[in-house]
Amino acid sequence: MDAMEDMEVMTGSNPGLAPDCQVLGRGTLPGLKYRHIGKSGLKVSSIALGSLKSFASDDTELNEDIITLAFENGINFFDISEPFTSKKAELELGRIIKKKGWSRRQFTVCTKIYWDKTEDRTLSRKEILESVKESLSNLQLEYIDLLIIHKNDPHCPVEEVLRAVTYLINTGKILYWGTAKWSPVEIFETF
C-alpha cells in the first residue's frame, strides 16, 4: 500500500524518466508513472490491467488487442485477480505473451490463491504449491512475479503458509508474495 497511496496517475511524467522516454512497446501513456510495489525493488506501471474486463469476452482476438494495446503503451502490470475467471485469464494471458514473444523482464504478472473456492476449501502448503504449479502451467511462465494469498485460513497455521511461500521463492517459482484480505493481526503474526 505504501507504493500506491501517493499515486497521481494522469498528472505528469514519471520523475525518473525523461518525458518522451519509451519504457515498453512503442510508447507510454501521458502521465503514466512507475512505482515500486511496497518496499520491494519491483517496479510496475501505476495502472495495472486486470483480468475481469480484459478476458470477459470469448473473442481471443479482442483479448489480444486489449493486452497488446496496454503493453505497447507502457502498462507492464497484469493482475489476474477474479476468482471465477482466473484460470481462463491465466490461459489467455499465457497464450498472448507466448505469441507476442515479449521479454520476461518487460512485464509483471500477479495472480491470487483463492483457497476458499477450491474443492477442499482449505489453505495448506499442498494447496499453495498446487495452485502455483497450475498457474505456471496456465501462464506458460517459469515464475510468477507476485503471488497474493487472498485470505487467511484460521485452520491453517501461519507458519505453514510462510514455509510454503518461502519454498516457492527459494525454488524460483514466485518472486514476491502478499496478502489481500488479511487482518492487521494476521499480518503481524507473519513476523
C-alpha atoms as a PDB file:
ATOM      1  CA  MET A   1       0.000   0.000   0.000  1.00  0.00           C
ATOM      2  CA  ASP A   2       2.927   2.382   0.570  1.00  0.00           C
ATOM      3  CA  ALA A   3       3.615   2.415  -3.151  1.00  0.00           C
ATOM      4  CA  MET A   4       0.042   3.133  -4.108  1.00  0.00           C
ATOM      5  CA  GLU A   5      -1.001   5.829  -1.634  1.00  0.00           C
ATOM      6  CA  ASP A   6       0.592   8.771  -3.451  1.00  0.00           C
ATOM      7  CA  MET A   7      -0.373   7.722  -6.961  1.00  0.00           C
ATOM      8  CA  GLU A   8      -1.222  10.524  -9.333  1.00  0.00           C
ATOM      9  CA  VAL A   9      -1.975   8.580 -12.463  1.00  0.00           C
ATOM     10  CA  MET A  10      -2.563  11.252 -15.069  1.00  0.00           C
ATOM     11  CA  THR A  11      -0.787  14.342 -13.727  1.00  0.00           C
ATOM     12  CA  GLY A  12       2.606  14.183 -15.381  1.00  0.00           C
ATOM     13  CA  SER A  13       5.528  12.020 -16.276  1.00  0.00           C
ATOM     14  CA  ASN A  14       7.491   9.765 -14.008  1.00  0.00           C
ATOM     15  CA  PRO A  15      10.212  11.989 -12.487  1.00  0.00           C
ATOM     16  CA  GLY A  16      12.739   9.205 -13.020  1.00  0.00           C
ATOM     17  CA  LEU A  17      12.116   9.096 -16.760  1.00  0.00           C
ATOM     18  CA  ALA A  18      12.509  11.679 -19.474  1.00  0.00           C
ATOM     19  CA  PRO A  19       9.088  12.966 -20.619  1.00  0.00           C
ATOM     20  CA  ASP A  20       9.457  11.389 -24.046  1.00  0.00           C
ATOM     21  CA  CYS A  21      11.043   8.157 -22.774  1.00  0.00           C
ATOM     22  CA  GLN A  22       9.698   4.921 -24.188  1.00  0.00           C
ATOM     23  CA  VAL A  23       9.777   2.307 -21.444  1.00  0.00           C
ATOM     24  CA  LEU A  24       7.971  -0.544 -23.184  1.00  0.00           C
ATOM     25  CA  GLY A  25       6.455  -1.251 -26.545  1.00  0.00           C
ATOM     26  CA  ARG A  26       6.001   1.765 -28.798  1.00  0.00           C
ATOM     27  CA  GLY A  27       5.365   4.437 -26.188  1.00  0.00           C
ATOM     28  CA  THR A  28       3.885   5.335 -22.843  1.00  0.00           C
ATOM     29  CA  LEU A  29       0.593   6.862 -21.891  1.00  0.00           C
ATOM     30  CA  PRO A  30       0.825  10.555 -20.980  1.00  0.00           C
ATOM     31  CA  GLY A  31       1.243  10.785 -17.225  1.00  0.00           C
ATOM     32  CA  LEU A  32       1.807   7.057 -16.733  1.00  0.00           C
ATOM     33  CA  LYS A  33       4.048   6.541 -13.742  1.00  0.00           C
ATOM     34  CA  TYR A  34       6.017   3.583 -12.481  1.00  0.00           C
ATOM     35  CA  ARG A  35       6.069   2.699  -8.785  1.00  0.00           C
ATOM     36  CA  HIS A  36       7.709   0.154  -6.563  1.00  0.00           C
ATOM     37  CA  ILE A  37       5.371  -2.394  -5.017  1.00  0.00           C
ATOM     38  CA  GLY A  38       5.543  -1.806  -1.290  1.00  0.00           C
ATOM     39  CA  LYS A  39       9.128  -1.654  -0.118  1.00  0.00           C
ATOM     40  CA  SER A  40      10.390  -4.050  -2.782  1.00  0.00           C
ATOM     41  CA  GLY A  41      12.557  -3.321  -5.786  1.00  0.00           C
ATOM     42  CA  LEU A  42       9.786  -4.499  -8.132  1.00  0.00           C
ATOM     43  CA  LYS A  43       8.701  -1.535 -10.263  1.00  0.00           C
ATOM     44  CA  VAL A  44       5.405  -1.597 -12.127  1.00  0.00           C
ATOM     45  CA  SER A  45       3.162   0.800 -14.001  1.00  0.00           C
ATOM     46  CA  SER A  46       0.780   2.662 -11.709  1.00  0.00           C
ATOM     47  CA  ILE A  47      -2.036   1.343 -13.867  1.00  0.00           C
ATOM     48  CA  ALA A  48      -2.486  -2.418 -13.977  1.00  0.00           C
ATOM     49  CA  LEU A  49      -4.588  -4.354 -16.426  1.00  0.00           C
ATOM     50  CA  GLY A  50      -6.912  -6.645 -14.501  1.00  0.00           C
ATOM     51  CA  SER A  51      -8.433  -9.853 -15.764  1.00  0.00           C
ATOM     52  CA  LEU A  52     -12.107  -9.134 -15.071  1.00  0.00           C
ATOM     53  CA  LYS A  53     -12.632  -6.853 -18.060  1.00  0.00           C
ATOM     54  CA  SER A  54      -9.660  -7.970 -20.126  1.00  0.00           C
ATOM     55  CA  PHE A  55     -10.891 -11.516 -20.554  1.00  0.00           C
ATOM     56  CA  ALA A  56     -14.645 -11.093 -20.186  1.00  0.00           C
ATOM     57  CA  SER A  57     -15.021 -11.801 -23.878  1.00  0.00           C
ATOM     58  CA  ASP A  58     -14.593 -15.180 -25.549  1.00  0.00           C
ATOM     59  CA  ASP A  59     -13.189 -13.279 -28.530  1.00  0.00           C
ATOM     60  CA  THR A  60      -9.490 -14.171 -28.350  1.00  0.00           C
ATOM     61  CA  GLU A  61      -8.613 -11.560 -30.966  1.00  0.00           C
ATOM     62  CA  LEU A  62     -10.224  -8.808 -28.871  1.00  0.00           C
ATOM     63  CA  ASN A  63      -8.453 -10.083 -25.743  1.00  0.00           C
ATOM     64  CA  GLU A  64      -5.144  -9.997 -27.579  1.00  0.00           C
ATOM     65  CA  ASP A  65      -5.795  -6.474 -28.872  1.00  0.00           C
ATOM     66  CA  ILE A  66      -6.550  -5.201 -25.347  1.00  0.00           C
ATOM     67  CA  ILE A  67      -3.424  -6.773 -23.815  1.00  0.00           C
ATOM     68  CA  THR A  68      -1.232  -5.638 -26.708  1.00  0.00           C
ATOM     69  CA  LEU A  69      -2.552  -2.073 -26.612  1.00  0.00           C
ATOM     70  CA  ALA A  70      -1.910  -1.874 -22.879  1.00  0.00           C
ATOM     71  CA  PHE A  71       1.605  -3.304 -23.204  1.00  0.00           C
ATOM     72  CA  GLU A  72       2.554  -1.104 -26.156  1.00  0.00           C
ATOM     73  CA  ASN A  73       1.502   1.955 -24.160  1.00  0.00           C
ATOM     74  CA  GLY A  74       3.622   1.212 -21.119  1.00  0.00           C
ATOM     75  CA  ILE A  75       1.339  -0.863 -18.905  1.00  0.00           C
ATOM     76  CA  ASN A  76       3.552  -3.651 -17.621  1.00  0.00           C
ATOM     77  CA  PHE A  77       1.455  -4.986 -14.708  1.00  0.00           C
ATOM     78  CA  PHE A  78      -1.087  -7.729 -15.439  1.00  0.00           C
ATOM     79  CA  ASP A  79      -3.265  -8.705 -12.474  1.00  0.00           C
ATOM     80  CA  ILE A  80      -5.241 -11.935 -12.581  1.00  0.00           C
ATOM     81  CA  SER A  81      -7.500 -11.427  -9.622  1.00  0.00           C
ATOM     82  CA  GLU A  82     -11.023 -12.545 -10.442  1.00  0.00           C
ATOM     83  CA  PRO A  83     -11.702 -15.848  -8.657  1.00  0.00           C
ATOM     84  CA  PHE A  84     -14.253 -17.215 -11.098  1.00  0.00           C
ATOM     85  CA  THR A  85     -12.323 -16.486 -14.301  1.00  0.00           C
ATOM     86  CA  SER A  86      -8.707 -16.715 -13.152  1.00  0.00           C
ATOM     87  CA  LYS A  87      -7.939 -19.999 -14.940  1.00  0.00           C
ATOM     88  CA  LYS A  88      -9.373 -18.691 -18.208  1.00  0.00           C
ATOM     89  CA  ALA A  89      -7.481 -15.415 -17.746  1.00  0.00           C
ATOM     90  CA  GLU A  90      -4.215 -17.215 -16.975  1.00  0.00           C
ATOM     91  CA  LEU A  91      -4.571 -19.417 -20.059  1.00  0.00           C
ATOM     92  CA  GLU A  92      -5.385 -16.462 -22.302  1.00  0.00           C
ATOM     93  CA  LEU A  93      -2.654 -14.189 -20.931  1.00  0.00           C
ATOM     94  CA  GLY A  94      -0.135 -17.018 -21.249  1.00  0.00           C
ATOM     95  CA  ARG A  95      -1.167 -17.623 -24.853  1.00  0.00           C
ATOM     96  CA  ILE A  96      -0.833 -13.934 -25.724  1.00  0.00           C
ATOM     97  CA  ILE A  97       2.540 -13.482 -24.007  1.00  0.00           C
ATOM     98  CA  LYS A  98       3.950 -16.548 -25.736  1.00  0.00           C
ATOM     99  CA  LYS A  99       2.595 -15.478 -29.131  1.00  0.00           C
ATOM    100  CA  LYS A 100       3.975 -11.941 -28.785  1.00  0.00           C
ATOM    101  CA  GLY A 101       7.382 -13.137 -27.590  1.00  0.00           C
ATOM    102  CA  TRP A 102       7.731 -10.314 -25.074  1.00  0.00           C
ATOM    103  CA  SER A 103      10.851 -10.347 -22.949  1.00  0.00           C
ATOM    104  CA  ARG A 104      10.125 -11.653 -19.444  1.00  0.00           C
ATOM    105  CA  ARG A 105      11.797  -8.583 -17.960  1.00  0.00           C
ATOM    106  CA  GLN A 106       9.237  -6.286 -19.600  1.00  0.00           C
ATOM    107  CA  PHE A 107       6.110  -7.338 -17.705  1.00  0.00           C
ATOM    108  CA  THR A 108       4.893  -8.318 -14.252  1.00  0.00           C
ATOM    109  CA  VAL A 109       2.215 -10.916 -13.550  1.00  0.00           C
ATOM    110  CA  CYS A 110       0.226 -11.056 -10.338  1.00  0.00           C
ATOM    111  CA  THR A 111      -2.125 -13.899  -9.523  1.00  0.00           C
ATOM    112  CA  LYS A 112      -4.037 -14.965  -6.420  1.00  0.00           C
ATOM    113  CA  ILE A 113      -4.746 -18.123  -4.483  1.00  0.00           C
ATOM    114  CA  TYR A 114      -8.426 -18.401  -3.654  1.00  0.00           C
ATOM    115  CA  TRP A 115      -8.266 -21.447  -1.393  1.00  0.00           C
ATOM    116  CA  ASP A 116     -11.859 -20.930  -0.237  1.00  0.00           C
ATOM    117  CA  LYS A 117     -13.050 -21.538  -3.821  1.00  0.00           C
ATOM    118  CA  THR A 118     -11.364 -24.942  -4.156  1.00  0.00           C
ATOM    119  CA  GLU A 119     -12.825 -28.394  -3.530  1.00  0.00           C
ATOM    120  CA  ASP A 120     -11.065 -28.857  -0.184  1.00  0.00           C
ATOM    121  CA  ARG A 121     -11.827 -25.283   0.920  1.00  0.00           C
ATOM    122  CA  THR A 122      -8.643 -25.136   2.938  1.00  0.00           C
ATOM    123  CA  LEU A 123      -5.376 -23.243   2.766  1.00  0.00           C
ATOM    124  CA  SER A 124      -2.415 -25.545   3.164  1.00  0.00           C
ATOM    125  CA  ARG A 125       1.090 -25.985   1.870  1.00  0.00           C
ATOM    126  CA  LYS A 126      -0.313 -28.502  -0.614  1.00  0.00           C
ATOM    127  CA  GLU A 127      -2.967 -26.060  -1.857  1.00  0.00           C
ATOM    128  CA  ILE A 128      -0.423 -23.264  -2.246  1.00  0.00           C
ATOM    129  CA  LEU A 129       2.059 -25.472  -4.143  1.00  0.00           C
ATOM    130  CA  GLU A 130      -0.610 -26.991  -6.395  1.00  0.00           C
ATOM    131  CA  SER A 131      -2.172 -23.591  -7.137  1.00  0.00           C
ATOM    132  CA  VAL A 132       1.177 -22.133  -8.162  1.00  0.00           C
ATOM    133  CA  LYS A 133       2.007 -25.202 -10.255  1.00  0.00           C
ATOM    134  CA  GLU A 134      -1.324 -24.865 -12.095  1.00  0.00           C
ATOM    135  CA  SER A 135      -0.906 -21.105 -12.589  1.00  0.00           C
ATOM    136  CA  LEU A 136       2.602 -21.536 -14.011  1.00  0.00           C
ATOM    137  CA  SER A 137       1.309 -24.142 -16.434  1.00  0.00           C
ATOM    138  CA  ASN A 138      -1.639 -21.955 -17.465  1.00  0.00           C
ATOM    139  CA  LEU A 139       0.545 -18.866 -17.913  1.00  0.00           C
ATOM    140  CA  GLN A 140       3.339 -20.799 -19.661  1.00  0.00           C
ATOM    141  CA  LEU A 141       5.843 -18.942 -17.480  1.00  0.00           C
ATOM    142  CA  GLU A 142       8.817 -20.060 -15.404  1.00  0.00           C
ATOM    143  CA  TYR A 143       7.835 -17.887 -12.435  1.00  0.00           C
ATOM    144  CA  ILE A 144       5.102 -15.633 -11.075  1.00  0.00           C
ATOM    145  CA  ASP A 145       6.206 -12.136 -10.122  1.00  0.00           C
ATOM    146  CA  LEU A 146       3.671 -11.545  -7.357  1.00  0.00           C
ATOM    147  CA  LEU A 147       1.524 -14.164  -5.635  1.00  0.00           C
ATOM    148  CA  ILE A 148      -1.333 -12.992  -3.442  1.00  0.00           C
ATOM    149  CA  ILE A 149      -2.797 -15.267  -0.776  1.00  0.00           C
ATOM    150  CA  HIS A 150      -6.364 -13.966  -0.909  1.00  0.00           C
ATOM    151  CA  LYS A 151      -7.362 -14.513   2.700  1.00  0.00           C
ATOM    152  CA  ASN A 152      -6.093 -16.285   5.755  1.00  0.00           C
ATOM    153  CA  ASP A 153      -7.425 -19.692   6.808  1.00  0.00           C
ATOM    154  CA  PRO A 154      -7.961 -19.774  10.578  1.00  0.00           C
ATOM    155  CA  HIS A 155      -7.453 -23.568  10.472  1.00  0.00           C
ATOM    156  CA  CYS A 156      -4.025 -23.402   8.835  1.00  0.00           C
ATOM    157  CA  PRO A 157      -1.039 -22.268  10.915  1.00  0.00           C
ATOM    158  CA  VAL A 158       0.581 -19.116   9.539  1.00  0.00           C
ATOM    159  CA  GLU A 159       3.935 -20.922   9.776  1.00  0.00           C
ATOM    160  CA  GLU A 160       2.704 -23.415   7.159  1.00  0.00           C
ATOM    161  CA  VAL A 161       1.844 -20.601   4.752  1.00  0.00           C
ATOM    162  CA  LEU A 162       5.215 -18.953   5.369  1.00  0.00           C
ATOM    163  CA  ARG A 163       7.101 -22.211   4.796  1.00  0.00           C
ATOM    164  CA  ALA A 164       5.219 -22.784   1.533  1.00  0.00           C
ATOM    165  CA  VAL A 165       5.851 -19.307   0.088  1.00  0.00           C
ATOM    166  CA  THR A 166       9.473 -19.364   1.281  1.00  0.00           C
ATOM    167  CA  TYR A 167       9.917 -22.670  -0.554  1.00  0.00           C
ATOM    168  CA  LEU A 168       8.351 -21.174  -3.707  1.00  0.00           C
ATOM    169  CA  ILE A 169      10.622 -18.128  -3.518  1.00  0.00           C
ATOM    170  CA  ASN A 170      13.731 -20.252  -2.864  1.00  0.00           C
ATOM    171  CA  THR A 171      12.921 -22.501  -5.840  1.00  0.00           C
ATOM    172  CA  GLY A 172      12.279 -19.524  -8.149  1.00  0.00           C
ATOM    173  CA  LYS A 173       8.605 -20.245  -8.778  1.00  0.00           C
ATOM    174  CA  ILE A 174       7.495 -16.899  -7.310  1.00  0.00           C
ATOM    175  CA  LEU A 175       9.443 -13.706  -6.679  1.00  0.00           C
ATOM    176  CA  TYR A 176       7.204 -11.892  -4.188  1.00  0.00           C
ATOM    177  CA  TRP A 177       4.083 -12.659  -2.214  1.00  0.00           C
ATOM    178  CA  GLY A 178       1.452 -10.637  -0.457  1.00  0.00           C
ATOM    179  CA  THR A 179      -1.963 -10.746   1.140  1.00  0.00           C
ATOM    180  CA  ALA A 180      -5.373  -9.336   0.260  1.00  0.00           C
ATOM    181  CA  LYS A 181      -7.994  -9.859   2.943  1.00  0.00           C
ATOM    182  CA  TRP A 182      -5.816 -10.440   5.997  1.00  0.00           C
ATOM    183  CA  SER A 183      -6.407  -8.515   9.191  1.00  0.00           C
ATOM    184  CA  PRO A 184      -3.572  -6.473  10.723  1.00  0.00           C
ATOM    185  CA  VAL A 185      -3.265  -9.111  13.448  1.00  0.00           C
ATOM    186  CA  GLU A 186      -2.923 -11.915  10.867  1.00  0.00           C
ATOM    187  CA  ILE A 187      -0.247  -9.952   9.010  1.00  0.00           C
ATOM    188  CA  PHE A 188       1.565  -9.183  12.274  1.00  0.00           C
ATOM    189  CA  GLU A 189       1.688 -12.938  13.043  1.00  0.00           C
ATOM    190  CA  THR A 190       3.808 -13.467   9.912  1.00  0.00           C
ATOM    191  CA  PHE A 191       6.640 -11.519  11.539  1.00  0.00           C
END
